[in-house]
Structure formats: C-alpha cells, structure tokens
Amino acid sequence: MSSLPIGQLKATDLWGAYNNVTFAIRQAILKIATATLVQVVSCTNDGGVSPVGFVSVQLLVNQQNAAAVGIEEGQLVDLPYVRIQGGANAVILDPQPGDIGIAVFASRDISTVVATKKQANPATFRAYDFSDGLYVGGVLNGVPTQYVQFASGGITVVSQNQITLQAPTVAVQGNLTVSGTTDGIDDGTFAGISVETHVHSGVQSGGSDTGPPV
C-alpha cells in the first residue's frame, strides 16, 4: 500500500453511494468562507475626519494541499472596515498596517451595495466568497501607548502628544486638578471672577486699583 497521503479522502468514503455523497458535501463545505484572521497591509484613511474607508489585508491562515504542504494565501483588497458610528457621531480609529484582526465574509455578493450604499440585488451568484469580506476589528495585537482606559478606579485618557477638546462650551463637573502649566488660556472665569482682568480689594486707600495679573 502506498504511503503517500491522499488528502481528506478516507477509505470509507469509497464504500457506497451514501459515503460518496457525504464526501462530496464535505468537500463543498470546505470551500465556504466564514471568518478568518488577517493582517492589515494598508488603509485608505489615517485618522482624519472622513467617511469610513477600506483596508487591504493579508490572509494569515494558509491552505494545505493533499500532501499537507502549506500554501500561502494572497491579499484581499478594499474590504470595508467597521467604525463605531451613529449618524454624524463617531469614534475615529482607523486600522493601521500591521494590525491583526478578523475578516468575515457575507453570504451573498455585496459589491453593488458597497458601491452605491443602497439596497440592491447581488451582482453575481457567488456566496460565502473571499471577495465579499468585511474587516471587523483587531485581535492578538500588542500593548497600546495611546488609549482610553475604563477600569474600576475610573477612566484614564493617555496621549503621546496632546488632547484637544473642541466645543463652544466645555463643562467640567466636580473638582479639577491640573498638574503642570496651563498655557494658551486668553481668559478664564472662576466663580464669576476673570483671571485676566480681575482687581483686588483691601489695598491701600486711594483711587487706583491693582494692575493686571503678572
């Protein structure tokens, strides 16, 4: 008897019509793309304020031939990726090259809906195909250096550069502790008193106020 492997075909698969059909069904199921691990190669966005973009990814799980020899997979291009967004409100966190994440594959051709962003018939009869992938986020990645951390002791926001708050009004409830300097404040009002233009009482009597703060 030959010692060469014959892939997934077992001797029992040749015993009768039932086993023949079962083997054929099993082989067909193996062609269905469901979900797999991928690595981001490129992304159309880089943290800017823009519509959700696309990623190109490298499939990480190799295929095998009948001799159990690995066959490297290629890349998938222009997969829509997931952003946390509701209406005009969003958390912008674009995938970066090197990220490892999950790609899932639609049950039907989604290309027309992706192109038009409207309800449409599938453009082809393909099903569970690598061509209809979606990138849904990162797994197996390393330690972040810039993050929002939710822990039992509170919420921590860490940035390697700066944190920018932009709004007509920023309201802080509770006590505010500041470590370091507070540069770039043209004026501020605390308890109704202007930091820049306030004057002081209790000075030597006369008609003059103190000068502006130094």
N, C-alpha and C. Protein backbone atom coordinates (compact mmCIF):
# COMPACT_ATOMS: atom_id res chain seq x y z
N MET A 1 0.85 -1.19 0.00
CA MET A 1 0.00 0.00 0.00
C MET A 1 0.89 1.24 0.00
N SER A 2 0.51 2.24 -0.79
CA SER A 2 1.30 3.46 -0.88
C SER A 2 1.24 4.23 0.43
N SER A 3 2.39 4.84 0.78
CA SER A 3 2.43 5.67 1.99
C SER A 3 2.11 7.12 1.70
N LEU A 4 1.86 7.46 0.45
CA LEU A 4 1.56 8.85 0.11
C LEU A 4 0.20 9.25 0.65
N PRO A 5 0.11 10.45 1.25
CA PRO A 5 -1.18 10.89 1.76
C PRO A 5 -2.14 11.17 0.61
N ILE A 6 -3.42 11.00 0.86
CA ILE A 6 -4.43 11.26 -0.16
C ILE A 6 -5.40 12.33 0.31
N GLY A 7 -4.88 13.31 1.05
CA GLY A 7 -5.69 14.43 1.50
C GLY A 7 -6.77 14.00 2.46
N GLN A 8 -7.99 14.45 2.25
CA GLN A 8 -9.09 14.19 3.17
C GLN A 8 -9.93 12.99 2.75
N LEU A 9 -9.54 12.32 1.68
CA LEU A 9 -10.27 11.13 1.23
C LEU A 9 -9.88 9.94 2.09
N LYS A 10 -10.88 9.33 2.74
CA LYS A 10 -10.65 8.14 3.55
C LYS A 10 -11.16 6.92 2.80
N ALA A 11 -10.66 5.77 3.21
CA ALA A 11 -11.09 4.54 2.56
C ALA A 11 -12.59 4.37 2.64
N THR A 12 -13.18 4.73 3.77
CA THR A 12 -14.62 4.54 3.94
C THR A 12 -15.44 5.44 3.01
N ASP A 13 -14.82 6.53 2.52
CA ASP A 13 -15.54 7.41 1.61
C ASP A 13 -15.85 6.73 0.28
N LEU A 14 -15.18 5.62 0.01
CA LEU A 14 -15.40 4.90 -1.24
C LEU A 14 -16.42 3.78 -1.10
N TRP A 15 -16.94 3.59 0.10
CA TRP A 15 -17.85 2.47 0.37
C TRP A 15 -19.30 2.90 0.16
N GLY A 16 -19.81 2.79 -0.99
CA GLY A 16 -21.23 3.02 -1.23
C GLY A 16 -21.57 4.45 -1.58
N ALA A 17 -22.78 4.60 -2.14
CA ALA A 17 -23.24 5.91 -2.62
C ALA A 17 -23.35 6.94 -1.49
N TYR A 18 -23.84 6.50 -0.32
CA TYR A 18 -24.00 7.44 0.80
C TYR A 18 -22.68 8.07 1.17
N ASN A 19 -21.64 7.25 1.35
CA ASN A 19 -20.33 7.78 1.72
C ASN A 19 -19.74 8.63 0.60
N ASN A 20 -20.02 8.27 -0.66
CA ASN A 20 -19.54 9.08 -1.78
C ASN A 20 -20.14 10.48 -1.72
N VAL A 21 -21.45 10.54 -1.51
CA VAL A 21 -22.14 11.84 -1.46
C VAL A 21 -21.70 12.64 -0.23
N THR A 22 -21.55 11.95 0.89
CA THR A 22 -21.10 12.64 2.11
C THR A 22 -19.74 13.29 1.90
N PHE A 23 -18.84 12.58 1.24
CA PHE A 23 -17.51 13.13 0.96
C PHE A 23 -17.63 14.36 0.06
N ALA A 24 -18.46 14.29 -0.96
CA ALA A 24 -18.62 15.43 -1.87
C ALA A 24 -19.18 16.65 -1.13
N ILE A 25 -20.15 16.41 -0.25
CA ILE A 25 -20.72 17.52 0.53
C ILE A 25 -19.67 18.12 1.44
N ARG A 26 -18.88 17.26 2.09
CA ARG A 26 -17.84 17.73 3.00
C ARG A 26 -16.83 18.61 2.25
N GLN A 27 -16.47 18.20 1.06
CA GLN A 27 -15.52 18.98 0.26
C GLN A 27 -16.13 20.32 -0.16
N ALA A 28 -17.43 20.34 -0.48
CA ALA A 28 -18.08 21.59 -0.85
C ALA A 28 -18.13 22.56 0.32
N ILE A 29 -18.39 22.04 1.52
CA ILE A 29 -18.44 22.89 2.71
C ILE A 29 -17.08 23.55 2.95
N LEU A 30 -16.01 22.85 2.65
CA LEU A 30 -14.68 23.40 2.88
C LEU A 30 -14.38 24.62 2.01
N LYS A 31 -15.17 24.82 0.97
CA LYS A 31 -14.97 25.97 0.08
C LYS A 31 -15.70 27.22 0.58
N ILE A 32 -16.47 27.09 1.66
CA ILE A 32 -17.25 28.22 2.18
C ILE A 32 -16.36 29.10 3.05
N ALA A 33 -16.29 30.38 2.74
CA ALA A 33 -15.55 31.34 3.55
C ALA A 33 -16.47 31.89 4.63
N THR A 34 -16.06 31.78 5.89
CA THR A 34 -16.88 32.26 7.01
C THR A 34 -16.18 33.42 7.73
N ALA A 35 -15.14 33.13 8.46
CA ALA A 35 -14.36 34.15 9.16
C ALA A 35 -12.94 33.64 9.32
N THR A 36 -11.98 34.56 9.32
CA THR A 36 -10.58 34.14 9.49
C THR A 36 -9.75 35.31 10.00
N LEU A 37 -8.51 35.02 10.37
CA LEU A 37 -7.60 36.04 10.85
C LEU A 37 -6.82 36.64 9.67
N VAL A 38 -6.69 37.96 9.70
CA VAL A 38 -5.97 38.67 8.64
C VAL A 38 -5.08 39.74 9.28
N GLN A 39 -4.14 40.25 8.48
CA GLN A 39 -3.28 41.34 8.93
C GLN A 39 -3.42 42.50 7.96
N VAL A 40 -3.60 43.69 8.51
CA VAL A 40 -3.81 44.88 7.67
C VAL A 40 -2.51 45.22 6.94
N VAL A 41 -2.62 45.40 5.63
CA VAL A 41 -1.50 45.81 4.80
C VAL A 41 -1.55 47.32 4.57
N SER A 42 -2.73 47.85 4.30
CA SER A 42 -2.89 49.30 4.08
C SER A 42 -4.32 49.69 4.39
N CYS A 43 -4.51 50.98 4.61
CA CYS A 43 -5.84 51.54 4.90
C CYS A 43 -5.98 52.85 4.15
N THR A 44 -7.16 53.10 3.61
CA THR A 44 -7.36 54.33 2.84
C THR A 44 -7.43 55.56 3.73
N ASN A 45 -7.67 55.40 5.02
CA ASN A 45 -7.74 56.53 5.95
C ASN A 45 -6.61 56.45 6.97
N ASP A 46 -6.28 57.61 7.54
CA ASP A 46 -5.19 57.66 8.52
C ASP A 46 -5.55 58.60 9.67
N GLY A 47 -6.73 58.40 10.24
CA GLY A 47 -7.12 59.18 11.41
C GLY A 47 -7.81 60.49 11.11
N GLY A 48 -7.97 60.84 9.84
CA GLY A 48 -8.62 62.10 9.50
C GLY A 48 -10.13 62.01 9.61
N VAL A 49 -10.78 63.19 9.59
CA VAL A 49 -12.24 63.24 9.61
C VAL A 49 -12.73 62.99 8.18
N SER A 50 -13.22 61.78 7.93
CA SER A 50 -13.60 61.37 6.59
C SER A 50 -14.58 60.22 6.68
N PRO A 51 -15.24 59.88 5.58
CA PRO A 51 -16.10 58.69 5.60
C PRO A 51 -15.30 57.44 5.91
N VAL A 52 -15.99 56.39 6.35
CA VAL A 52 -15.33 55.12 6.61
C VAL A 52 -14.70 54.62 5.32
N GLY A 53 -13.48 54.08 5.41
CA GLY A 53 -12.75 53.68 4.21
C GLY A 53 -12.66 52.19 4.04
N PHE A 54 -11.52 51.76 3.49
CA PHE A 54 -11.31 50.36 3.14
C PHE A 54 -9.90 49.93 3.56
N VAL A 55 -9.73 48.64 3.75
CA VAL A 55 -8.42 48.09 4.06
C VAL A 55 -8.08 46.99 3.06
N SER A 56 -6.78 46.83 2.85
CA SER A 56 -6.27 45.64 2.17
C SER A 56 -5.61 44.78 3.23
N VAL A 57 -5.84 43.48 3.17
CA VAL A 57 -5.38 42.59 4.24
C VAL A 57 -4.70 41.36 3.66
N GLN A 58 -3.82 40.80 4.48
CA GLN A 58 -3.16 39.53 4.15
C GLN A 58 -3.82 38.41 4.94
N LEU A 59 -4.30 37.38 4.24
CA LEU A 59 -4.83 36.21 4.92
C LEU A 59 -3.71 35.51 5.68
N LEU A 60 -3.93 35.17 6.94
CA LEU A 60 -2.87 34.61 7.78
C LEU A 60 -2.90 33.09 7.87
N VAL A 61 -4.04 32.48 7.66
CA VAL A 61 -4.14 31.02 7.77
C VAL A 61 -3.94 30.41 6.38
N ASN A 62 -2.88 29.67 6.22
CA ASN A 62 -2.56 29.06 4.91
C ASN A 62 -3.52 27.92 4.58
N GLN A 63 -3.63 27.63 3.31
CA GLN A 63 -4.31 26.42 2.85
C GLN A 63 -3.31 25.26 2.85
N GLN A 64 -3.79 24.04 2.66
CA GLN A 64 -2.94 22.86 2.56
C GLN A 64 -3.36 22.04 1.35
N ASN A 65 -2.35 21.47 0.68
CA ASN A 65 -2.69 20.57 -0.42
C ASN A 65 -2.88 19.15 0.12
N ALA A 66 -3.09 18.20 -0.77
CA ALA A 66 -3.38 16.84 -0.35
C ALA A 66 -2.23 16.19 0.40
N ALA A 67 -1.00 16.74 0.21
CA ALA A 67 0.16 16.20 0.91
C ALA A 67 0.45 16.96 2.20
N ALA A 68 -0.54 17.77 2.66
CA ALA A 68 -0.41 18.55 3.89
C ALA A 68 0.70 19.58 3.81
N VAL A 69 1.02 20.04 2.61
CA VAL A 69 2.01 21.09 2.42
C VAL A 69 1.28 22.44 2.39
N GLY A 70 1.77 23.38 3.18
CA GLY A 70 1.12 24.68 3.27
C GLY A 70 1.23 25.48 1.98
N ILE A 71 0.16 26.17 1.66
CA ILE A 71 0.12 27.06 0.50
C ILE A 71 -0.26 28.45 1.00
N GLU A 72 0.66 29.41 0.87
CA GLU A 72 0.40 30.75 1.37
C GLU A 72 -0.75 31.40 0.61
N GLU A 73 -1.61 32.07 1.37
CA GLU A 73 -2.72 32.78 0.77
C GLU A 73 -2.28 34.17 0.30
N GLY A 74 -3.06 34.77 -0.56
CA GLY A 74 -2.76 36.10 -1.06
C GLY A 74 -3.44 37.19 -0.24
N GLN A 75 -3.56 38.37 -0.81
CA GLN A 75 -4.17 39.51 -0.15
C GLN A 75 -5.59 39.72 -0.64
N LEU A 76 -6.41 40.29 0.22
CA LEU A 76 -7.74 40.75 -0.13
C LEU A 76 -7.73 42.27 -0.11
N VAL A 77 -8.29 42.89 -1.12
CA VAL A 77 -8.23 44.35 -1.24
C VAL A 77 -9.62 44.96 -1.08
N ASP A 78 -9.62 46.20 -0.58
CA ASP A 78 -10.83 47.02 -0.48
C ASP A 78 -11.94 46.37 0.33
N LEU A 79 -11.57 45.86 1.51
CA LEU A 79 -12.59 45.38 2.44
C LEU A 79 -13.11 46.56 3.26
N PRO A 80 -14.42 46.81 3.30
CA PRO A 80 -14.94 47.83 4.22
C PRO A 80 -14.61 47.44 5.66
N TYR A 81 -14.27 48.43 6.48
CA TYR A 81 -13.99 48.12 7.88
C TYR A 81 -15.00 48.80 8.79
N VAL A 82 -15.11 48.29 9.99
CA VAL A 82 -16.12 48.74 10.95
C VAL A 82 -15.63 49.97 11.71
N ARG A 83 -16.48 50.97 11.83
CA ARG A 83 -16.24 52.13 12.69
C ARG A 83 -17.43 52.24 13.65
N ILE A 84 -17.16 52.61 14.89
CA ILE A 84 -18.25 52.88 15.83
C ILE A 84 -18.85 54.23 15.46
N GLN A 85 -20.05 54.24 14.89
CA GLN A 85 -20.64 55.47 14.40
C GLN A 85 -22.15 55.38 14.45
N GLY A 86 -22.77 56.48 14.87
CA GLY A 86 -24.21 56.62 14.84
C GLY A 86 -24.56 57.98 14.29
N GLY A 87 -25.13 58.02 13.06
CA GLY A 87 -25.39 59.31 12.42
C GLY A 87 -24.10 60.06 12.17
N ALA A 88 -24.03 61.31 12.62
CA ALA A 88 -22.83 62.13 12.46
C ALA A 88 -21.88 62.00 13.65
N ASN A 89 -22.15 61.08 14.58
CA ASN A 89 -21.32 60.90 15.76
C ASN A 89 -20.47 59.64 15.59
N ALA A 90 -19.18 59.76 15.86
CA ALA A 90 -18.30 58.62 15.60
C ALA A 90 -17.08 58.65 16.50
N VAL A 91 -16.50 57.47 16.68
CA VAL A 91 -15.16 57.32 17.24
C VAL A 91 -14.25 56.98 16.06
N ILE A 92 -13.35 57.89 15.70
CA ILE A 92 -12.47 57.68 14.55
C ILE A 92 -11.22 56.96 15.01
N LEU A 93 -11.11 55.71 14.63
CA LEU A 93 -9.98 54.87 15.00
C LEU A 93 -9.69 53.95 13.82
N ASP A 94 -8.95 54.46 12.85
CA ASP A 94 -8.73 53.72 11.61
C ASP A 94 -7.70 52.61 11.81
N PRO A 95 -7.89 51.46 11.15
CA PRO A 95 -6.89 50.39 11.20
C PRO A 95 -5.54 50.88 10.68
N GLN A 96 -4.47 50.29 11.20
CA GLN A 96 -3.12 50.65 10.78
C GLN A 96 -2.41 49.41 10.24
N PRO A 97 -1.48 49.61 9.30
CA PRO A 97 -0.72 48.46 8.79
C PRO A 97 -0.07 47.68 9.94
N GLY A 98 -0.17 46.37 9.87
CA GLY A 98 0.37 45.51 10.92
C GLY A 98 -0.67 45.02 11.90
N ASP A 99 -1.83 45.68 11.97
CA ASP A 99 -2.89 45.21 12.87
C ASP A 99 -3.35 43.82 12.46
N ILE A 100 -3.58 42.97 13.44
CA ILE A 100 -4.20 41.67 13.20
C ILE A 100 -5.66 41.77 13.61
N GLY A 101 -6.54 41.27 12.75
CA GLY A 101 -7.96 41.37 13.06
C GLY A 101 -8.75 40.25 12.41
N ILE A 102 -10.07 40.38 12.48
CA ILE A 102 -10.98 39.37 11.98
C ILE A 102 -11.64 39.87 10.70
N ALA A 103 -11.64 39.04 9.68
CA ALA A 103 -12.42 39.30 8.47
C ALA A 103 -13.56 38.30 8.42
N VAL A 104 -14.76 38.80 8.14
CA VAL A 104 -15.93 37.93 7.95
C VAL A 104 -16.39 38.08 6.51
N PHE A 105 -17.12 37.08 6.02
CA PHE A 105 -17.48 37.05 4.61
C PHE A 105 -18.98 36.88 4.46
N ALA A 106 -19.58 37.76 3.66
CA ALA A 106 -21.03 37.80 3.51
C ALA A 106 -21.54 36.57 2.77
N SER A 107 -22.80 36.26 3.00
CA SER A 107 -23.40 35.08 2.37
C SER A 107 -23.73 35.32 0.90
N ARG A 108 -23.75 36.58 0.45
CA ARG A 108 -24.03 36.90 -0.93
C ARG A 108 -23.10 38.02 -1.40
N ASP A 109 -23.08 38.28 -2.69
CA ASP A 109 -22.26 39.32 -3.29
C ASP A 109 -22.73 40.69 -2.79
N ILE A 110 -21.85 41.44 -2.11
CA ILE A 110 -22.22 42.74 -1.55
C ILE A 110 -21.64 43.91 -2.35
N SER A 111 -21.02 43.64 -3.49
CA SER A 111 -20.27 44.67 -4.20
C SER A 111 -21.14 45.85 -4.62
N THR A 112 -22.36 45.61 -5.08
CA THR A 112 -23.22 46.71 -5.51
C THR A 112 -23.64 47.59 -4.34
N VAL A 113 -23.97 46.97 -3.22
CA VAL A 113 -24.34 47.75 -2.03
C VAL A 113 -23.15 48.56 -1.54
N VAL A 114 -21.96 47.99 -1.56
CA VAL A 114 -20.77 48.73 -1.14
C VAL A 114 -20.55 49.94 -2.03
N ALA A 115 -20.77 49.78 -3.33
CA ALA A 115 -20.52 50.87 -4.29
C ALA A 115 -21.59 51.96 -4.21
N THR A 116 -22.85 51.57 -3.99
CA THR A 116 -23.94 52.55 -4.04
C THR A 116 -24.47 52.96 -2.67
N LYS A 117 -24.17 52.16 -1.64
CA LYS A 117 -24.71 52.38 -0.29
C LYS A 117 -26.24 52.38 -0.30
N LYS A 118 -26.83 51.57 -1.19
CA LYS A 118 -28.28 51.44 -1.28
C LYS A 118 -28.64 49.96 -1.43
N GLN A 119 -29.91 49.64 -1.13
CA GLN A 119 -30.39 48.28 -1.30
C GLN A 119 -30.28 47.88 -2.77
N ALA A 120 -29.81 46.65 -3.02
CA ALA A 120 -29.61 46.21 -4.39
C ALA A 120 -29.55 44.70 -4.46
N ASN A 121 -29.80 44.16 -5.65
CA ASN A 121 -29.61 42.74 -5.89
C ASN A 121 -28.12 42.42 -5.92
N PRO A 122 -27.73 41.20 -5.55
CA PRO A 122 -26.32 40.82 -5.70
C PRO A 122 -25.91 40.84 -7.16
N ALA A 123 -24.69 41.30 -7.42
CA ALA A 123 -24.23 41.43 -8.81
C ALA A 123 -23.90 40.09 -9.43
N THR A 124 -23.61 39.08 -8.62
CA THR A 124 -23.28 37.74 -9.12
C THR A 124 -23.96 36.71 -8.22
N PHE A 125 -23.81 35.44 -8.56
CA PHE A 125 -24.38 34.36 -7.76
C PHE A 125 -23.38 33.78 -6.76
N ARG A 126 -22.23 34.42 -6.58
CA ARG A 126 -21.25 33.88 -5.62
C ARG A 126 -21.81 33.97 -4.21
N ALA A 127 -21.36 33.06 -3.35
CA ALA A 127 -21.83 33.00 -1.97
C ALA A 127 -20.67 32.61 -1.06
N TYR A 128 -20.61 33.23 0.12
CA TYR A 128 -19.58 32.93 1.12
C TYR A 128 -18.19 32.97 0.48
N ASP A 129 -17.92 34.07 -0.20
CA ASP A 129 -16.72 34.18 -1.01
C ASP A 129 -15.75 35.20 -0.39
N PHE A 130 -14.45 34.96 -0.57
CA PHE A 130 -13.45 35.90 -0.09
C PHE A 130 -13.64 37.30 -0.68
N SER A 131 -14.30 37.39 -1.83
CA SER A 131 -14.49 38.69 -2.48
C SER A 131 -15.45 39.59 -1.72
N ASP A 132 -16.20 39.04 -0.77
CA ASP A 132 -17.22 39.80 -0.05
C ASP A 132 -16.88 39.89 1.43
N GLY A 133 -15.62 40.28 1.70
CA GLY A 133 -15.15 40.35 3.07
C GLY A 133 -15.41 41.68 3.73
N LEU A 134 -15.47 41.66 5.05
CA LEU A 134 -15.61 42.85 5.91
C LEU A 134 -14.61 42.71 7.04
N TYR A 135 -13.88 43.80 7.33
CA TYR A 135 -12.91 43.78 8.42
C TYR A 135 -13.58 44.36 9.66
N VAL A 136 -13.66 43.56 10.72
CA VAL A 136 -14.46 43.95 11.88
C VAL A 136 -13.63 44.31 13.11
N GLY A 137 -12.32 44.37 13.00
CA GLY A 137 -11.56 44.86 14.13
C GLY A 137 -10.41 43.99 14.56
N GLY A 138 -9.65 44.50 15.51
CA GLY A 138 -8.38 43.91 15.87
C GLY A 138 -8.45 42.88 16.98
N VAL A 139 -7.62 41.85 16.85
CA VAL A 139 -7.37 40.87 17.91
C VAL A 139 -5.88 40.56 17.88
N LEU A 140 -5.37 39.97 18.96
CA LEU A 140 -3.98 39.49 19.03
C LEU A 140 -2.96 40.61 18.85
N ASN A 141 -3.33 41.85 19.15
CA ASN A 141 -2.40 42.97 19.00
C ASN A 141 -1.68 43.29 20.31
N GLY A 142 -0.67 44.16 20.23
CA GLY A 142 0.21 44.41 21.36
C GLY A 142 -0.32 45.45 22.34
N VAL A 143 0.60 45.96 23.18
CA VAL A 143 0.26 46.92 24.23
C VAL A 143 0.13 48.31 23.61
N PRO A 144 -1.00 49.00 23.80
CA PRO A 144 -1.15 50.34 23.24
C PRO A 144 -0.37 51.37 24.06
N THR A 145 0.02 52.45 23.40
CA THR A 145 0.66 53.57 24.10
C THR A 145 -0.24 54.80 24.12
N GLN A 146 -1.32 54.77 23.40
CA GLN A 146 -2.29 55.86 23.38
C GLN A 146 -3.67 55.23 23.48
N TYR A 147 -4.44 55.61 24.51
CA TYR A 147 -5.66 54.84 24.76
C TYR A 147 -6.61 55.57 25.68
N VAL A 148 -7.86 55.09 25.67
CA VAL A 148 -8.86 55.42 26.68
C VAL A 148 -9.09 54.14 27.48
N GLN A 149 -8.85 54.21 28.78
CA GLN A 149 -8.93 53.02 29.63
C GLN A 149 -10.11 53.15 30.59
N PHE A 150 -10.97 52.13 30.58
CA PHE A 150 -12.09 52.06 31.51
C PHE A 150 -11.76 50.99 32.55
N ALA A 151 -11.60 51.40 33.79
CA ALA A 151 -11.24 50.48 34.87
C ALA A 151 -12.14 50.76 36.07
N SER A 152 -12.06 49.88 37.06
CA SER A 152 -12.90 50.03 38.24
C SER A 152 -12.58 51.32 38.99
N GLY A 153 -11.34 51.80 38.88
CA GLY A 153 -10.96 53.03 39.58
C GLY A 153 -11.29 54.31 38.84
N GLY A 154 -11.79 54.20 37.60
CA GLY A 154 -12.13 55.38 36.84
C GLY A 154 -11.72 55.26 35.38
N ILE A 155 -11.78 56.38 34.68
CA ILE A 155 -11.46 56.44 33.26
C ILE A 155 -10.17 57.22 33.08
N THR A 156 -9.25 56.65 32.30
CA THR A 156 -7.97 57.29 32.03
C THR A 156 -7.82 57.53 30.54
N VAL A 157 -7.42 58.74 30.17
CA VAL A 157 -7.14 59.08 28.78
C VAL A 157 -5.65 59.39 28.66
N VAL A 158 -4.94 58.64 27.82
CA VAL A 158 -3.49 58.81 27.67
C VAL A 158 -3.18 59.10 26.21
N SER A 159 -2.39 60.16 25.98
CA SER A 159 -1.97 60.53 24.64
C SER A 159 -0.47 60.75 24.63
N GLN A 160 0.20 60.37 23.54
CA GLN A 160 1.63 60.60 23.40
C GLN A 160 1.93 62.01 22.93
N ASN A 161 0.93 62.76 22.51
CA ASN A 161 1.15 64.13 22.03
C ASN A 161 0.28 65.11 22.80
N GLN A 162 -0.92 65.34 22.35
CA GLN A 162 -1.80 66.26 23.06
C GLN A 162 -3.24 65.78 22.95
N ILE A 163 -4.08 66.31 23.84
CA ILE A 163 -5.50 66.03 23.83
C ILE A 163 -6.21 67.33 23.51
N THR A 164 -7.03 67.33 22.48
CA THR A 164 -7.72 68.54 22.04
C THR A 164 -9.21 68.39 22.27
N LEU A 165 -9.81 69.33 22.98
CA LEU A 165 -11.26 69.39 23.15
C LEU A 165 -11.76 70.60 22.38
N GLN A 166 -12.69 70.39 21.47
CA GLN A 166 -13.20 71.49 20.64
C GLN A 166 -14.71 71.53 20.75
N ALA A 167 -15.23 72.59 21.35
CA ALA A 167 -16.66 72.75 21.53
C ALA A 167 -16.94 74.20 21.91
N PRO A 168 -18.16 74.70 21.64
CA PRO A 168 -18.48 76.07 22.08
C PRO A 168 -18.35 76.24 23.59
N THR A 169 -18.67 75.19 24.33
CA THR A 169 -18.56 75.21 25.79
C THR A 169 -18.09 73.85 26.27
N VAL A 170 -17.12 73.85 27.16
CA VAL A 170 -16.67 72.62 27.80
C VAL A 170 -17.02 72.72 29.28
N ALA A 171 -17.88 71.84 29.77
CA ALA A 171 -18.33 71.86 31.15
C ALA A 171 -17.62 70.79 31.95
N VAL A 172 -17.05 71.16 33.08
CA VAL A 172 -16.39 70.23 33.98
C VAL A 172 -17.18 70.21 35.29
N GLN A 173 -17.70 69.05 35.66
CA GLN A 173 -18.43 68.91 36.91
C GLN A 173 -17.56 68.20 37.93
N GLY A 174 -17.49 68.75 39.12
CA GLY A 174 -16.63 68.18 40.14
C GLY A 174 -15.32 68.94 40.23
N ASN A 175 -14.41 68.45 41.05
CA ASN A 175 -13.14 69.11 41.26
C ASN A 175 -12.21 68.89 40.07
N LEU A 176 -11.39 69.90 39.76
CA LEU A 176 -10.45 69.83 38.65
C LEU A 176 -9.04 69.99 39.19
N THR A 177 -8.20 69.00 38.95
CA THR A 177 -6.80 69.05 39.37
C THR A 177 -5.92 69.15 38.14
N VAL A 178 -5.05 70.15 38.11
CA VAL A 178 -4.17 70.37 36.97
C VAL A 178 -2.73 70.26 37.43
N SER A 179 -1.96 69.38 36.77
CA SER A 179 -0.52 69.26 37.04
C SER A 179 0.22 69.86 35.85
N GLY A 180 1.16 70.77 36.11
CA GLY A 180 1.87 71.43 35.03
C GLY A 180 1.26 72.78 34.71
N THR A 181 1.76 73.40 33.66
CA THR A 181 1.32 74.73 33.29
C THR A 181 0.02 74.67 32.50
N THR A 182 -0.67 75.80 32.43
CA THR A 182 -1.90 75.92 31.64
C THR A 182 -1.67 77.01 30.61
N ASP A 183 -0.96 76.68 29.54
CA ASP A 183 -0.64 77.65 28.51
C ASP A 183 -1.82 77.85 27.56
N GLY A 184 -1.83 79.03 26.92
CA GLY A 184 -2.77 79.27 25.85
C GLY A 184 -4.16 79.65 26.31
N ILE A 185 -4.36 80.03 27.58
CA ILE A 185 -5.66 80.47 28.06
C ILE A 185 -5.69 81.99 28.00
N ASP A 186 -6.50 82.55 27.07
CA ASP A 186 -6.59 84.00 26.94
C ASP A 186 -7.28 84.61 28.16
N ASP A 187 -8.31 83.96 28.63
CA ASP A 187 -9.02 84.43 29.81
C ASP A 187 -9.84 83.27 30.35
N GLY A 188 -10.11 83.31 31.63
CA GLY A 188 -10.95 82.30 32.24
C GLY A 188 -11.71 82.92 33.39
N THR A 189 -12.91 82.46 33.62
CA THR A 189 -13.74 83.00 34.68
C THR A 189 -14.01 81.90 35.70
N PHE A 190 -13.65 82.15 36.92
CA PHE A 190 -13.86 81.20 38.01
C PHE A 190 -14.67 81.88 39.10
N ALA A 191 -15.84 81.27 39.41
CA ALA A 191 -16.75 81.85 40.40
C ALA A 191 -17.08 83.30 40.05
N GLY A 192 -17.24 83.59 38.75
CA GLY A 192 -17.60 84.92 38.31
C GLY A 192 -16.46 85.91 38.26
N ILE A 193 -15.23 85.49 38.51
CA ILE A 193 -14.08 86.40 38.54
C ILE A 193 -13.17 86.08 37.36
N SER A 194 -12.82 87.09 36.57
CA SER A 194 -11.97 86.91 35.42
C SER A 194 -10.51 86.76 35.86
N VAL A 195 -9.84 85.76 35.31
CA VAL A 195 -8.43 85.56 35.65
C VAL A 195 -7.58 86.70 35.09
N GLU A 196 -7.92 87.20 33.91
CA GLU A 196 -7.07 88.18 33.22
C GLU A 196 -7.32 89.61 33.67
N THR A 197 -8.57 89.96 33.97
CA THR A 197 -8.88 91.38 34.20
C THR A 197 -9.35 91.68 35.61
N HIS A 198 -9.26 90.71 36.53
CA HIS A 198 -9.78 90.96 37.87
C HIS A 198 -8.91 91.98 38.61
N VAL A 199 -9.51 92.62 39.63
CA VAL A 199 -8.79 93.54 40.51
C VAL A 199 -8.90 93.01 41.94
N HIS A 200 -8.18 93.64 42.85
CA HIS A 200 -8.13 93.16 44.23
C HIS A 200 -8.66 94.21 45.18
N SER A 201 -9.39 93.75 46.19
CA SER A 201 -9.83 94.66 47.27
C SER A 201 -8.80 94.63 48.39
N GLY A 202 -8.99 95.56 49.35
CA GLY A 202 -8.14 95.55 50.53
C GLY A 202 -6.78 96.19 50.31
N VAL A 203 -6.61 96.95 49.23
CA VAL A 203 -5.33 97.64 49.01
C VAL A 203 -5.35 98.98 49.74
N GLN A 204 -4.20 99.68 49.73
CA GLN A 204 -4.14 100.98 50.39
C GLN A 204 -5.15 101.92 49.78
N SER A 205 -5.85 102.65 50.63
CA SER A 205 -6.95 103.50 50.16
C SER A 205 -6.44 104.48 49.12
N GLY A 206 -7.30 104.79 48.19
CA GLY A 206 -6.98 105.70 47.11
C GLY A 206 -7.88 105.40 45.94
N GLY A 207 -7.60 106.06 44.84
CA GLY A 207 -8.47 105.92 43.70
C GLY A 207 -8.01 104.89 42.69
N SER A 208 -6.95 104.16 42.96
CA SER A 208 -6.40 103.23 41.96
C SER A 208 -6.68 101.79 42.38
N ASP A 209 -6.80 100.95 41.34
CA ASP A 209 -6.86 99.51 41.57
C ASP A 209 -5.48 98.93 41.32
N THR A 210 -5.33 97.66 41.64
CA THR A 210 -4.08 97.00 41.32
C THR A 210 -3.95 96.84 39.80
N GLY A 211 -2.75 96.60 39.33
CA GLY A 211 -2.55 96.35 37.91
C GLY A 211 -3.06 94.97 37.54
N PRO A 212 -3.02 94.66 36.24
CA PRO A 212 -3.46 93.33 35.80
C PRO A 212 -2.54 92.25 36.34
N PRO A 213 -2.97 91.04 36.37
CA PRO A 213 -2.13 89.97 36.88
C PRO A 213 -0.81 89.87 36.08
N VAL A 214 0.26 89.51 36.77
CA VAL A 214 1.56 89.38 36.11
C VAL A 214 1.73 87.94 35.66
